Amino acid sequence: MSNPAINSSTKPTISQYPVPALDSLPADILERILAVQEKAKFIPNVFLALAYRPAEFRAFFAYYDAVMEREGSTLSPAEKEMIIVATSAANGCQYCVIAHGALLRVFSKEPLLADQIAINYLHAPLSAKQKEMLARFL
C-alpha cells in the first residue's frame, strides 16, 4: 500500500535505525500513521523511527493511548497536550514542543496556543484552572 503524499523511496536519517517504507509496515501501524498524518498534516519522525520495531511502536502508543484516553479523566485531550508542551519546553526538547504543539493546535483549535504555552504559559490565554494545572507540573 503506497501513499503518494510520502516518498517512501527516500530514507531520511532520523535515528540510528533505518526508516521503513510505509508500504512495508504492518496494517495497524500504517493505519495509525496515516490517521495522524490526516489530522496533523504531517507524520512525526518518532512514528517513523519507532515503526522500525513494530512491538515497541505498539507499546509506546498503547501507553500514550492509556494516558490520553483514560476513562474518568477530568482533563481534556487539549489540556493533556498543554501539559506535554509546557513540560517539553521546560525540558528544552524542541522536537517534543513542535510535535505536541501540532497536536495541541488540532485539539484546541487555537493556532497560537501551543507557542504561547511553550514560551511562557503564564502569559498564555488560559483559564485559572489550566494555569494551576500547568504550575503543578513545572
Protein backbone atom coordinates (compact mmCIF):
# COMPACT_ATOMS: atom_id res chain seq x y z
CA MET A 1 0.00 0.00 0.00
CA SER A 2 1.64 3.22 -1.12
CA ASN A 3 0.84 6.74 -0.02
CA PRO A 4 1.52 9.36 -2.71
CA ALA A 5 1.89 12.08 -0.04
CA ILE A 6 5.02 10.35 1.28
CA ASN A 7 8.01 9.50 -0.86
CA SER A 8 8.94 6.16 0.67
CA SER A 9 11.83 5.74 -1.76
CA THR A 10 13.92 8.24 0.20
CA LYS A 11 15.27 7.11 3.54
CA PRO A 12 15.94 10.16 5.70
CA THR A 13 18.28 9.71 8.64
CA ILE A 14 16.20 10.40 11.75
CA SER A 15 17.56 7.73 14.06
CA GLN A 16 20.19 5.05 14.23
CA TYR A 17 17.64 2.69 12.70
CA PRO A 18 16.54 2.77 9.08
CA VAL A 19 13.20 4.34 8.32
CA PRO A 20 10.95 1.63 6.92
CA ALA A 21 8.95 2.31 3.79
CA LEU A 22 5.33 2.95 4.65
CA ASP A 23 4.17 0.21 2.32
CA SER A 24 6.26 -2.30 4.29
CA LEU A 25 4.57 -1.63 7.64
CA PRO A 26 2.02 -3.86 9.36
CA ALA A 27 -1.53 -2.70 8.62
CA ASP A 28 -2.28 -1.48 12.16
CA ILE A 29 0.84 0.68 12.29
CA LEU A 30 0.29 2.10 8.82
CA GLU A 31 -3.31 2.91 9.72
CA ARG A 32 -2.18 4.77 12.86
CA ILE A 33 0.47 6.74 10.98
CA LEU A 34 -1.89 7.73 8.17
CA ALA A 35 -4.59 8.78 10.65
CA VAL A 36 -2.13 11.12 12.38
CA GLN A 37 -0.94 12.45 9.04
CA GLU A 38 -4.54 13.19 8.06
CA LYS A 39 -5.25 15.02 11.32
CA ALA A 40 -1.94 16.80 11.95
CA LYS A 41 -0.93 17.21 8.27
CA PHE A 42 2.47 15.62 8.92
CA ILE A 43 3.97 12.43 10.29
CA PRO A 44 6.05 12.93 13.44
CA ASN A 45 9.55 11.46 12.99
CA VAL A 46 9.14 9.44 16.19
CA PHE A 47 6.41 7.44 14.45
CA LEU A 48 8.75 6.58 11.60
CA ALA A 49 11.68 5.79 13.88
CA LEU A 50 9.59 3.54 16.13
CA ALA A 51 7.95 1.81 13.16
CA TYR A 52 11.26 0.01 12.58
CA ARG A 53 10.41 -2.09 15.64
CA PRO A 54 6.66 -2.76 15.49
CA ALA A 55 6.36 -4.23 19.02
CA GLU A 56 7.98 -1.12 20.51
CA PHE A 57 5.79 1.14 18.34
CA ARG A 58 2.69 -0.61 19.66
CA ALA A 59 3.89 -0.44 23.28
CA PHE A 60 4.74 3.27 23.01
CA PHE A 61 1.34 4.14 21.59
CA ALA A 62 -0.52 1.84 23.98
CA TYR A 63 0.97 3.93 26.80
CA TYR A 64 0.11 7.20 25.01
CA ASP A 65 -3.46 5.97 24.47
CA ALA A 66 -3.75 4.89 28.11
CA VAL A 67 -2.84 8.41 29.21
CA MET A 68 -4.82 10.30 26.58
CA GLU A 69 -7.96 8.15 26.64
CA ARG A 70 -8.10 7.30 30.36
CA GLU A 71 -11.69 6.73 31.38
CA GLY A 72 -12.84 9.17 34.05
CA SER A 73 -10.10 11.72 33.36
CA THR A 74 -11.08 15.27 34.23
CA LEU A 75 -8.63 16.67 31.67
CA SER A 76 -9.47 17.16 28.03
CA PRO A 77 -7.07 15.94 25.32
CA ALA A 78 -6.09 19.59 24.74
CA GLU A 79 -5.25 20.04 28.43
CA LYS A 80 -3.13 16.89 28.41
CA GLU A 81 -1.25 18.21 25.38
CA MET A 82 -0.82 21.55 27.19
CA ILE A 83 0.98 19.69 29.97
CA ILE A 84 3.18 17.87 27.45
CA VAL A 85 4.04 21.10 25.58
CA ALA A 86 4.84 23.04 28.77
CA THR A 87 6.92 20.18 30.19
CA SER A 88 8.75 19.70 26.90
CA ALA A 89 9.56 23.43 26.78
CA ALA A 90 10.80 23.35 30.38
CA ASN A 91 13.00 20.35 29.49
CA GLY A 92 14.31 22.06 26.36
CA CYS A 93 13.02 19.39 23.99
CA GLN A 94 12.32 21.33 20.80
CA TYR A 95 11.21 18.19 18.95
CA CYS A 96 8.51 17.42 21.52
CA VAL A 97 7.37 21.05 21.68
CA ILE A 98 6.89 21.05 17.91
CA ALA A 99 5.25 17.62 17.64
CA HIS A 100 2.93 18.03 20.63
CA GLY A 101 2.34 21.67 19.75
CA ALA A 102 0.88 20.47 16.44
CA LEU A 103 -1.41 18.08 18.33
CA LEU A 104 -2.42 20.85 20.74
CA ARG A 105 -3.38 23.04 17.76
CA VAL A 106 -5.58 20.21 16.47
CA PHE A 107 -7.25 19.54 19.85
CA SER A 108 -7.64 23.17 20.94
CA LYS A 109 -8.37 24.69 17.53
CA GLU A 110 -6.21 27.62 18.71
CA PRO A 111 -3.37 28.23 16.24
CA LEU A 112 -1.12 30.20 18.63
CA LEU A 113 -1.80 28.50 21.94
CA ALA A 114 1.00 25.91 21.78
CA ASP A 115 3.58 28.59 21.02
CA GLN A 116 2.29 30.78 23.83
CA ILE A 117 2.46 27.91 26.30
CA ALA A 118 5.95 26.92 25.15
CA ILE A 119 7.26 30.46 25.61
CA ASN A 120 5.56 31.23 28.93
CA TYR A 121 2.30 29.58 29.92
CA LEU A 122 1.66 32.34 32.50
CA HIS A 123 1.06 34.77 29.62
CA ALA A 124 -0.99 32.35 27.50
CA PRO A 125 -4.77 32.84 27.27
CA LEU A 126 -5.60 30.01 29.67
CA SER A 127 -8.19 29.66 32.38
CA ALA A 128 -7.09 29.93 36.01
CA LYS A 129 -7.66 26.15 36.30
CA GLN A 130 -5.38 25.46 33.34
CA LYS A 131 -2.62 27.72 34.67
CA GLU A 132 -2.82 25.97 38.05
CA MET A 133 -2.71 22.61 36.27
CA LEU A 134 0.49 23.60 34.47
CA ALA A 135 2.03 25.08 37.62
CA ARG A 136 1.73 21.67 39.28
CA PHE A 137 3.84 20.06 36.56
CA LEU A 138 6.51 22.72 36.26
